[in-house]
Amino acid sequence: IAGVKEIAEEAKTDVKVAAIFTTFGENLGGFLVPWLTRFEANCLVIGGNISAAYPRFETVLKNEFEKGNLSIPLYISSLQEDAALAGSAYLCDNAFYAQLIK
């Protein structure tokens, strides 16, 4: 399997593969809830290639948020793997960077 896209396709017909996304959603939610709570996050943006598989773990992730009493909206980045490049490019903009270090 070359990547997440192929695994997500396989999950449509194979319950064992679908269980991978269930476990992923549980682990991601369990990891993120304390951090997002402590940070007082207003939302969570999911990007990168895993965002294309979001429908495979969406329900489980939201359940983990509910268990942790975390109620924030989740957004899927349309940039996917290009998001990191765009974010890095902003750091080359001195005006933007100066706002971050205030």
N, C-alpha and C. Protein backbone atom coordinates (compact mmCIF):
# COMPACT_ATOMS: atom_id res chain seq x y z
N ILE A 1 0.86 -1.18 0.00
CA ILE A 1 0.00 0.00 0.00
C ILE A 1 0.89 1.23 0.00
N ALA A 2 0.59 2.16 -0.88
CA ALA A 2 1.43 3.35 -1.05
C ALA A 2 1.18 4.41 0.01
N GLY A 3 -0.04 4.48 0.53
CA GLY A 3 -0.31 5.54 1.50
C GLY A 3 -1.71 5.46 2.07
N VAL A 4 -2.09 6.53 2.76
CA VAL A 4 -3.38 6.59 3.45
C VAL A 4 -4.55 6.48 2.48
N LYS A 5 -4.41 7.05 1.31
CA LYS A 5 -5.50 7.00 0.32
C LYS A 5 -5.90 5.57 0.01
N GLU A 6 -4.91 4.73 -0.20
CA GLU A 6 -5.19 3.33 -0.52
C GLU A 6 -5.79 2.59 0.68
N ILE A 7 -5.30 2.92 1.87
CA ILE A 7 -5.85 2.29 3.08
C ILE A 7 -7.30 2.72 3.27
N ALA A 8 -7.61 3.98 3.04
CA ALA A 8 -8.97 4.49 3.19
C ALA A 8 -9.92 3.80 2.20
N GLU A 9 -9.45 3.57 1.00
CA GLU A 9 -10.27 2.86 0.01
C GLU A 9 -10.54 1.42 0.47
N GLU A 10 -9.51 0.78 0.97
CA GLU A 10 -9.63 -0.60 1.45
C GLU A 10 -10.59 -0.68 2.63
N ALA A 11 -10.62 0.37 3.44
CA ALA A 11 -11.48 0.39 4.64
C ALA A 11 -12.96 0.35 4.29
N LYS A 12 -13.30 0.72 3.07
CA LYS A 12 -14.70 0.70 2.66
C LYS A 12 -15.26 -0.72 2.61
N THR A 13 -14.39 -1.69 2.38
CA THR A 13 -14.86 -3.08 2.20
C THR A 13 -14.26 -4.06 3.18
N ASP A 14 -13.28 -3.66 3.97
CA ASP A 14 -12.60 -4.56 4.89
C ASP A 14 -12.72 -4.03 6.32
N VAL A 15 -13.46 -4.77 7.17
CA VAL A 15 -13.69 -4.31 8.54
C VAL A 15 -12.40 -4.23 9.36
N LYS A 16 -11.45 -5.10 9.05
CA LYS A 16 -10.18 -5.05 9.77
C LYS A 16 -9.42 -3.77 9.45
N VAL A 17 -9.46 -3.37 8.21
CA VAL A 17 -8.79 -2.13 7.81
C VAL A 17 -9.56 -0.93 8.38
N ALA A 18 -10.88 -1.00 8.37
CA ALA A 18 -11.69 0.07 8.95
C ALA A 18 -11.37 0.25 10.43
N ALA A 19 -11.04 -0.83 11.11
CA ALA A 19 -10.69 -0.76 12.53
C ALA A 19 -9.42 0.06 12.76
N ILE A 20 -8.55 0.12 11.77
CA ILE A 20 -7.35 0.95 11.88
C ILE A 20 -7.74 2.41 12.07
N PHE A 21 -8.72 2.86 11.32
CA PHE A 21 -9.17 4.25 11.43
C PHE A 21 -9.92 4.49 12.73
N THR A 22 -10.63 3.49 13.21
CA THR A 22 -11.29 3.61 14.51
C THR A 22 -10.24 3.81 15.60
N THR A 23 -9.23 2.99 15.59
CA THR A 23 -8.14 3.10 16.58
C THR A 23 -7.42 4.44 16.43
N PHE A 24 -7.19 4.85 15.20
CA PHE A 24 -6.54 6.13 14.95
C PHE A 24 -7.35 7.27 15.54
N GLY A 25 -8.65 7.29 15.28
CA GLY A 25 -9.52 8.35 15.80
C GLY A 25 -9.55 8.38 17.32
N GLU A 26 -9.59 7.20 17.94
CA GLU A 26 -9.56 7.13 19.41
C GLU A 26 -8.25 7.67 19.95
N ASN A 27 -7.15 7.24 19.37
CA ASN A 27 -5.83 7.69 19.83
C ASN A 27 -5.60 9.18 19.59
N LEU A 28 -6.01 9.65 18.42
CA LEU A 28 -5.86 11.07 18.11
C LEU A 28 -6.68 11.92 19.08
N GLY A 29 -7.92 11.52 19.31
CA GLY A 29 -8.77 12.26 20.24
C GLY A 29 -8.23 12.22 21.65
N GLY A 30 -7.81 11.04 22.10
CA GLY A 30 -7.25 10.92 23.45
C GLY A 30 -6.01 11.77 23.64
N PHE A 31 -5.22 11.88 22.59
CA PHE A 31 -4.00 12.70 22.65
C PHE A 31 -4.33 14.19 22.62
N LEU A 32 -5.25 14.59 21.74
CA LEU A 32 -5.51 16.00 21.51
C LEU A 32 -6.36 16.67 22.60
N VAL A 33 -7.31 15.95 23.18
CA VAL A 33 -8.23 16.58 24.13
C VAL A 33 -7.51 17.35 25.23
N PRO A 34 -6.55 16.76 25.96
CA PRO A 34 -5.91 17.55 27.01
C PRO A 34 -5.13 18.76 26.49
N TRP A 35 -4.50 18.61 25.33
CA TRP A 35 -3.73 19.71 24.77
C TRP A 35 -4.64 20.84 24.30
N LEU A 36 -5.69 20.50 23.59
CA LEU A 36 -6.60 21.53 23.09
C LEU A 36 -7.34 22.21 24.23
N THR A 37 -7.66 21.46 25.28
CA THR A 37 -8.33 22.03 26.44
C THR A 37 -7.40 23.01 27.15
N ARG A 38 -6.18 22.59 27.42
CA ARG A 38 -5.20 23.43 28.09
C ARG A 38 -4.88 24.69 27.27
N PHE A 39 -4.83 24.53 25.98
CA PHE A 39 -4.53 25.63 25.07
C PHE A 39 -5.74 26.57 24.89
N GLU A 40 -6.91 26.09 25.30
CA GLU A 40 -8.17 26.82 25.11
C GLU A 40 -8.41 27.11 23.63
N ALA A 41 -8.23 26.06 22.83
CA ALA A 41 -8.39 26.18 21.38
C ALA A 41 -9.83 26.51 21.01
N ASN A 42 -9.99 27.31 19.98
CA ASN A 42 -11.31 27.68 19.47
C ASN A 42 -11.78 26.72 18.38
N CYS A 43 -10.83 26.00 17.77
CA CYS A 43 -11.17 25.06 16.72
C CYS A 43 -9.96 24.15 16.48
N LEU A 44 -10.16 23.14 15.66
CA LEU A 44 -9.07 22.27 15.23
C LEU A 44 -9.13 22.17 13.72
N VAL A 45 -8.00 22.41 13.07
CA VAL A 45 -7.90 22.26 11.62
C VAL A 45 -7.06 21.02 11.35
N ILE A 46 -7.61 20.11 10.59
CA ILE A 46 -6.89 18.89 10.21
C ILE A 46 -6.44 19.06 8.77
N GLY A 47 -5.14 18.90 8.57
CA GLY A 47 -4.57 19.06 7.23
C GLY A 47 -3.70 17.87 6.87
N GLY A 48 -2.95 18.02 5.85
CA GLY A 48 -2.10 16.93 5.39
C GLY A 48 -2.92 15.89 4.66
N ASN A 49 -2.27 14.85 4.23
CA ASN A 49 -2.96 13.81 3.47
C ASN A 49 -3.99 13.05 4.31
N ILE A 50 -3.79 13.01 5.62
CA ILE A 50 -4.75 12.29 6.47
C ILE A 50 -6.12 12.96 6.44
N SER A 51 -6.16 14.24 6.08
CA SER A 51 -7.45 14.94 6.04
C SER A 51 -8.39 14.32 5.00
N ALA A 52 -7.84 13.73 3.96
CA ALA A 52 -8.68 13.08 2.95
C ALA A 52 -9.39 11.84 3.52
N ALA A 53 -8.83 11.27 4.58
CA ALA A 53 -9.43 10.09 5.21
C ALA A 53 -10.31 10.46 6.40
N TYR A 54 -10.51 11.75 6.64
CA TYR A 54 -11.27 12.20 7.80
C TYR A 54 -12.63 11.50 7.95
N PRO A 55 -13.39 11.28 6.88
CA PRO A 55 -14.67 10.58 7.06
C PRO A 55 -14.53 9.20 7.71
N ARG A 56 -13.35 8.59 7.61
CA ARG A 56 -13.13 7.25 8.18
C ARG A 56 -12.94 7.28 9.69
N PHE A 57 -12.54 8.43 10.26
CA PHE A 57 -12.34 8.50 11.71
C PHE A 57 -13.11 9.66 12.36
N GLU A 58 -13.91 10.36 11.60
CA GLU A 58 -14.63 11.55 12.09
C GLU A 58 -15.50 11.24 13.31
N THR A 59 -16.35 10.24 13.23
CA THR A 59 -17.27 9.94 14.32
C THR A 59 -16.53 9.58 15.59
N VAL A 60 -15.52 8.74 15.48
CA VAL A 60 -14.76 8.30 16.65
C VAL A 60 -14.02 9.48 17.27
N LEU A 61 -13.42 10.34 16.45
CA LEU A 61 -12.70 11.50 16.96
C LEU A 61 -13.66 12.43 17.70
N LYS A 62 -14.83 12.70 17.11
CA LYS A 62 -15.82 13.55 17.77
C LYS A 62 -16.30 12.93 19.08
N ASN A 63 -16.45 11.61 19.11
CA ASN A 63 -16.83 10.93 20.36
C ASN A 63 -15.79 11.12 21.45
N GLU A 64 -14.51 11.06 21.07
CA GLU A 64 -13.43 11.27 22.03
C GLU A 64 -13.46 12.70 22.56
N PHE A 65 -13.77 13.64 21.69
CA PHE A 65 -13.88 15.03 22.13
C PHE A 65 -15.03 15.17 23.13
N GLU A 66 -16.15 14.53 22.84
CA GLU A 66 -17.30 14.59 23.76
C GLU A 66 -16.95 13.96 25.11
N LYS A 67 -16.29 12.81 25.08
CA LYS A 67 -15.87 12.16 26.33
C LYS A 67 -14.99 13.07 27.17
N GLY A 68 -14.17 13.87 26.51
CA GLY A 68 -13.26 14.77 27.19
C GLY A 68 -13.87 16.15 27.45
N ASN A 69 -15.19 16.27 27.23
CA ASN A 69 -15.89 17.55 27.43
C ASN A 69 -15.27 18.68 26.61
N LEU A 70 -14.85 18.36 25.42
CA LEU A 70 -14.27 19.35 24.51
C LEU A 70 -15.27 19.60 23.39
N SER A 71 -15.70 20.83 23.28
CA SER A 71 -16.69 21.18 22.26
C SER A 71 -16.13 22.30 21.39
N ILE A 72 -15.41 21.91 20.35
CA ILE A 72 -14.86 22.87 19.39
C ILE A 72 -15.15 22.37 17.98
N PRO A 73 -15.29 23.28 17.04
CA PRO A 73 -15.50 22.85 15.65
C PRO A 73 -14.22 22.27 15.05
N LEU A 74 -14.43 21.33 14.14
CA LEU A 74 -13.32 20.72 13.39
C LEU A 74 -13.43 21.15 11.94
N TYR A 75 -12.31 21.54 11.37
CA TYR A 75 -12.27 21.96 9.97
C TYR A 75 -11.23 21.13 9.23
N ILE A 76 -11.52 20.87 7.98
CA ILE A 76 -10.59 20.14 7.12
C ILE A 76 -9.96 21.13 6.15
N SER A 77 -8.66 21.18 6.16
CA SER A 77 -7.93 22.09 5.28
C SER A 77 -8.05 21.64 3.84
N SER A 78 -8.35 22.58 2.98
CA SER A 78 -8.41 22.25 1.55
C SER A 78 -7.00 22.17 0.95
N LEU A 79 -6.00 22.67 1.68
CA LEU A 79 -4.62 22.66 1.17
C LEU A 79 -3.94 21.30 1.33
N GLN A 80 -4.47 20.46 2.21
CA GLN A 80 -3.90 19.16 2.52
C GLN A 80 -2.40 19.28 2.78
N GLU A 81 -1.55 18.56 2.03
CA GLU A 81 -0.12 18.54 2.34
C GLU A 81 0.58 19.86 2.00
N ASP A 82 -0.07 20.72 1.22
CA ASP A 82 0.53 22.01 0.89
C ASP A 82 0.42 23.01 2.05
N ALA A 83 -0.38 22.70 3.07
CA ALA A 83 -0.57 23.62 4.19
C ALA A 83 0.75 23.92 4.90
N ALA A 84 1.58 22.93 5.11
CA ALA A 84 2.85 23.15 5.79
C ALA A 84 3.76 24.07 4.98
N LEU A 85 3.74 23.92 3.67
CA LEU A 85 4.55 24.78 2.81
C LEU A 85 4.04 26.22 2.86
N ALA A 86 2.72 26.39 2.83
CA ALA A 86 2.16 27.73 2.88
C ALA A 86 2.47 28.39 4.23
N GLY A 87 2.34 27.63 5.31
CA GLY A 87 2.66 28.16 6.63
C GLY A 87 4.11 28.54 6.75
N SER A 88 4.98 27.73 6.21
CA SER A 88 6.41 28.04 6.25
C SER A 88 6.72 29.30 5.44
N ALA A 89 6.04 29.47 4.33
CA ALA A 89 6.27 30.64 3.48
C ALA A 89 5.88 31.92 4.22
N TYR A 90 4.84 31.87 5.04
CA TYR A 90 4.45 33.05 5.82
C TYR A 90 5.57 33.49 6.76
N LEU A 91 6.37 32.55 7.24
CA LEU A 91 7.45 32.91 8.15
C LEU A 91 8.55 33.71 7.45
N CYS A 92 8.56 33.69 6.14
CA CYS A 92 9.52 34.51 5.38
C CYS A 92 9.05 35.95 5.24
N ASP A 93 7.80 36.20 5.58
CA ASP A 93 7.23 37.55 5.53
C ASP A 93 7.53 38.23 6.86
N ASN A 94 8.45 39.18 6.86
CA ASN A 94 8.88 39.81 8.10
C ASN A 94 7.75 40.45 8.90
N ALA A 95 6.79 41.04 8.22
CA ALA A 95 5.65 41.66 8.93
C ALA A 95 4.83 40.61 9.65
N PHE A 96 4.58 39.49 9.01
CA PHE A 96 3.82 38.41 9.64
C PHE A 96 4.61 37.82 10.81
N TYR A 97 5.88 37.58 10.59
CA TYR A 97 6.73 36.98 11.62
C TYR A 97 6.83 37.88 12.84
N ALA A 98 6.90 39.19 12.62
CA ALA A 98 6.99 40.15 13.74
C ALA A 98 5.76 40.08 14.63
N GLN A 99 4.59 39.80 14.04
CA GLN A 99 3.37 39.65 14.83
C GLN A 99 3.43 38.44 15.75
N LEU A 100 4.10 37.39 15.31
CA LEU A 100 4.19 36.16 16.09
C LEU A 100 5.08 36.31 17.33
N ILE A 101 6.08 37.16 17.26
CA ILE A 101 7.04 37.25 18.37
C ILE A 101 6.69 38.36 19.36
N LYS A 102 5.57 39.04 19.18
CA LYS A 102 5.15 40.10 20.11
C LYS A 102 4.76 39.52 21.45
